């Protein structure tokens, strides 16, 4: 069994766009009414030309 690497190689250079700060907290979704009816992200179905479709 191969041991898991726990440290980066000595020649590793951190890219300039990497930061050591934690990821920002997620923003809660806006609770806006759906102008076309039921929200497909809540109910799981999309309606197109009167037909409910699932992805």
N, C-alpha and C. Protein backbone atom coordinates (compact mmCIF):
# COMPACT_ATOMS: atom_id res chain seq x y z
N UNK A 1 0.85 -1.18 0.00
CA UNK A 1 0.00 0.00 0.00
C UNK A 1 0.89 1.25 0.00
N UNK A 2 0.56 2.21 -0.86
CA UNK A 2 1.32 3.45 -0.95
C UNK A 2 0.87 4.42 0.14
N UNK A 3 1.83 5.03 0.80
CA UNK A 3 1.48 6.01 1.82
C UNK A 3 0.97 7.29 1.18
N UNK A 4 0.06 7.93 1.85
CA UNK A 4 -0.52 9.17 1.36
C UNK A 4 0.45 10.33 1.63
N UNK A 5 0.58 11.21 0.64
CA UNK A 5 1.44 12.37 0.81
C UNK A 5 0.80 13.34 1.79
N UNK A 6 1.57 13.82 2.75
CA UNK A 6 1.05 14.75 3.73
C UNK A 6 1.71 16.12 3.62
N UNK A 7 2.72 16.22 2.77
CA UNK A 7 3.41 17.50 2.56
C UNK A 7 3.63 17.69 1.06
N UNK A 8 3.71 18.96 0.67
CA UNK A 8 3.99 19.27 -0.73
C UNK A 8 5.46 19.00 -1.04
N UNK A 9 5.78 18.73 -2.31
CA UNK A 9 7.19 18.56 -2.68
C UNK A 9 7.97 19.84 -2.38
N UNK A 10 9.27 19.71 -2.13
CA UNK A 10 10.11 20.86 -1.76
C UNK A 10 10.17 21.90 -2.87
N UNK A 11 10.05 21.49 -4.14
CA UNK A 11 10.16 22.44 -5.25
C UNK A 11 8.81 23.07 -5.62
N UNK A 12 7.77 22.82 -4.82
CA UNK A 12 6.44 23.37 -5.09
C UNK A 12 6.42 24.88 -4.82
N UNK A 13 5.87 25.65 -5.77
CA UNK A 13 5.72 27.10 -5.60
C UNK A 13 4.22 27.41 -5.65
N UNK A 14 3.73 28.05 -4.60
CA UNK A 14 2.31 28.39 -4.53
C UNK A 14 1.97 29.43 -5.59
N UNK A 15 0.91 29.20 -6.43
CA UNK A 15 0.50 30.20 -7.42
C UNK A 15 0.10 31.52 -6.75
N UNK A 16 0.28 32.61 -7.46
CA UNK A 16 0.02 33.95 -6.91
C UNK A 16 -1.45 34.14 -6.51
N UNK A 17 -2.38 33.46 -7.20
CA UNK A 17 -3.81 33.68 -6.90
C UNK A 17 -4.30 32.86 -5.72
N UNK A 18 -3.49 31.95 -5.16
CA UNK A 18 -3.87 31.19 -3.97
C UNK A 18 -3.75 32.07 -2.74
N UNK A 19 -4.67 31.90 -1.80
CA UNK A 19 -4.57 32.63 -0.54
C UNK A 19 -4.70 31.63 0.60
N UNK A 20 -4.33 32.05 1.79
CA UNK A 20 -4.43 31.19 2.96
C UNK A 20 -5.69 31.48 3.77
N UNK A 21 -6.51 32.40 3.28
CA UNK A 21 -7.74 32.77 3.98
C UNK A 21 -8.82 31.71 3.75
N UNK A 22 -9.69 31.50 4.73
CA UNK A 22 -10.77 30.53 4.53
C UNK A 22 -11.78 31.03 3.50
N UNK A 23 -12.51 30.10 2.93
CA UNK A 23 -13.55 30.46 1.94
C UNK A 23 -14.63 31.31 2.62
N UNK A 24 -15.23 32.26 1.89
CA UNK A 24 -16.28 33.07 2.50
C UNK A 24 -17.53 32.24 2.79
N UNK A 25 -18.29 32.66 3.76
CA UNK A 25 -19.53 31.97 4.11
C UNK A 25 -20.53 32.13 2.97
N UNK A 26 -21.32 31.10 2.67
CA UNK A 26 -22.30 31.21 1.59
C UNK A 26 -23.38 32.24 1.92
N UNK A 27 -23.86 32.92 0.92
CA UNK A 27 -24.91 33.91 1.08
C UNK A 27 -26.25 33.18 1.01
N UNK A 28 -27.15 33.40 1.95
CA UNK A 28 -28.45 32.71 1.88
C UNK A 28 -29.21 33.14 0.62
N UNK A 29 -29.96 32.22 0.02
CA UNK A 29 -30.68 32.55 -1.20
C UNK A 29 -31.79 33.57 -0.93
N UNK A 30 -32.07 34.38 -1.94
CA UNK A 30 -33.16 35.35 -1.82
C UNK A 30 -34.48 34.60 -1.98
N UNK A 31 -35.44 34.95 -1.19
CA UNK A 31 -36.73 34.29 -1.22
C UNK A 31 -37.70 35.11 -2.07
N UNK A 32 -37.42 35.18 -3.37
CA UNK A 32 -38.26 35.96 -4.28
C UNK A 32 -39.29 35.04 -4.93
N UNK A 33 -40.50 35.52 -5.14
CA UNK A 33 -41.50 34.68 -5.80
C UNK A 33 -41.14 34.46 -7.27
N UNK A 34 -41.46 33.26 -7.77
CA UNK A 34 -41.20 32.93 -9.17
C UNK A 34 -42.34 33.52 -10.00
N UNK A 35 -42.04 34.40 -10.96
CA UNK A 35 -43.10 35.04 -11.73
C UNK A 35 -43.88 34.07 -12.62
N UNK A 36 -43.30 32.91 -12.95
CA UNK A 36 -43.98 31.96 -13.83
C UNK A 36 -44.64 30.82 -13.06
N UNK A 37 -44.64 30.86 -11.73
CA UNK A 37 -45.29 29.80 -10.96
C UNK A 37 -44.34 29.13 -9.99
N UNK A 38 -44.41 27.82 -9.91
CA UNK A 38 -43.61 27.07 -8.94
C UNK A 38 -42.14 27.06 -9.35
N UNK A 39 -41.29 27.17 -8.40
CA UNK A 39 -39.86 27.21 -8.63
C UNK A 39 -39.33 25.82 -9.00
N UNK A 40 -38.69 25.66 -10.16
CA UNK A 40 -38.18 24.34 -10.55
C UNK A 40 -37.05 23.86 -9.65
N UNK A 41 -36.31 24.77 -9.04
CA UNK A 41 -35.24 24.33 -8.16
C UNK A 41 -35.79 23.79 -6.86
N UNK A 42 -37.00 24.18 -6.50
CA UNK A 42 -37.62 23.66 -5.28
C UNK A 42 -38.38 22.37 -5.55
N UNK A 43 -39.07 22.30 -6.66
CA UNK A 43 -39.94 21.15 -6.93
C UNK A 43 -39.31 20.13 -7.88
N UNK A 44 -38.18 20.44 -8.51
CA UNK A 44 -37.46 19.46 -9.31
C UNK A 44 -37.93 19.30 -10.74
N UNK A 45 -38.95 20.00 -11.17
CA UNK A 45 -39.43 19.90 -12.56
C UNK A 45 -39.37 21.27 -13.22
N UNK A 46 -39.02 21.25 -14.49
CA UNK A 46 -39.04 22.47 -15.29
C UNK A 46 -40.22 22.34 -16.25
N UNK A 47 -40.90 23.43 -16.48
CA UNK A 47 -42.04 23.42 -17.39
C UNK A 47 -41.63 24.15 -18.66
N UNK A 48 -41.85 23.50 -19.80
CA UNK A 48 -41.51 24.11 -21.09
C UNK A 48 -42.65 23.82 -22.06
N UNK A 49 -43.31 24.85 -22.53
CA UNK A 49 -44.44 24.74 -23.44
C UNK A 49 -45.54 23.84 -22.87
N UNK A 50 -45.79 23.96 -21.58
CA UNK A 50 -46.86 23.21 -20.94
C UNK A 50 -46.50 21.79 -20.56
N UNK A 51 -45.26 21.36 -20.80
CA UNK A 51 -44.83 20.00 -20.48
C UNK A 51 -43.76 20.07 -19.39
N UNK A 52 -43.94 19.26 -18.34
CA UNK A 52 -42.95 19.21 -17.26
C UNK A 52 -41.82 18.30 -17.70
N UNK A 53 -40.59 18.80 -17.58
CA UNK A 53 -39.42 18.01 -17.96
C UNK A 53 -38.48 17.90 -16.77
N UNK A 54 -37.77 16.81 -16.72
CA UNK A 54 -36.79 16.57 -15.66
C UNK A 54 -35.43 16.41 -16.29
N UNK A 55 -34.41 16.85 -15.59
CA UNK A 55 -33.06 16.70 -16.13
C UNK A 55 -32.37 15.58 -15.44
